Amino acid sequence: MRILLLGKNGQLGWELQRALAPLGELSSLDYPEIDLAKPDDLCRAVQQKKPQVLINAAAYTQVDRAESEPEIAMQVNAAAPGALAECARTIGAVFVHYSTDYVFDGRAGQPYREEDPPNPLSVYGRSKLAGEQAVAETGGDYLIFRTSWVYSLRRDSFVRKVLSWSRQNPALHVVADQIGGPTWARMLAEASALLLVQGVPHNLDWVRERRGLYHLAGAGATSRLEWARAILELDPDPAAQVCRELLPAATSDFPTPAIRPLFSALDCSRFETTFGLRLPPWQEALRLAMDPGGSFER
């Protein structure tokens, strides 16, 4: 299988390199080798590699900065995925793309399903939704995975921030009114690779028959406060903590340029039924990620 991965240096892209390597011939690119703000260059890179699977793990992820840079966010998160999906269609490749729970407004009060109407509250959310729509409109063989609260231990993420804060502050105020599903980037990458493996004996036709939009995130839901509590409990170097108290806060206590959905848990049953795979409970994935004798990445 020939695979072209875009966004190799991001927290998901780095994990995808590891997970996809055993599947065949893997080429991985990132900026400045590719520039998502230049669709023509993207298409040339795709046509040169002629992949059977094109995976886009690159995105504009600065949620707050997007409010003041809407044109760039739309170019990278909407126009570029549409161009990539069209390039994939013209060469007969399967296109894999990742989206976000921020396409929802957080008012549902129960885990979102794929058919629930999106209503993004931020430029970032609107740009990612526009990307989903651009990909779907090409009519090619695509898989879009909406995920949530992605973290890794090697790049900036909520987990690393909490660990850093705990070494500097005797008390931490963490929002208790944002609910979502923490997703370890490694699990997301491995699930992506496993479903592609299932398509190998059938020349990817098995995957093509299952084209569409899916929710794929860590099982279960929690608040950022409880997630932070679990992070500190699993800290592989607890002696470094000076934090002695976690205090609940409201989202309104920390004003930001972009509005976040207060409830963005995702119902992943369609993915589980279709591919026979599921991500483990977020608590179990976090335990594995933080294991000082195993996966913890310093």
Foldseek 3Di string as FASTA:
>chain_A
DEEEEEPCPDQLNVLLCVQQVVVDHYHYDYPPCDDLLDLVSVLVVCVVSLGQEYEYPDADDPFQVCQVVLVSRLSNQAVSLLSNLLSCQVSNHEYEYEAELQQAQQPPPDADFPPDDGDHQGSNSVSNVNNQVSNVVSVHQYEYEYEYQEDAQPDDHLLVVLVVVQLPDQEAEFAFQAKEFYAYSNLVSNVVSVLQVVCVVVSNVLSSVVGDYFYAYAPDMGGSQVVSVLSQVLAPCNVSGNHDYYHYDHPVVPDGNTDGRRYRYHDGVVVCVSRVDHHYHRSVVSNQSSPPVHNPDD
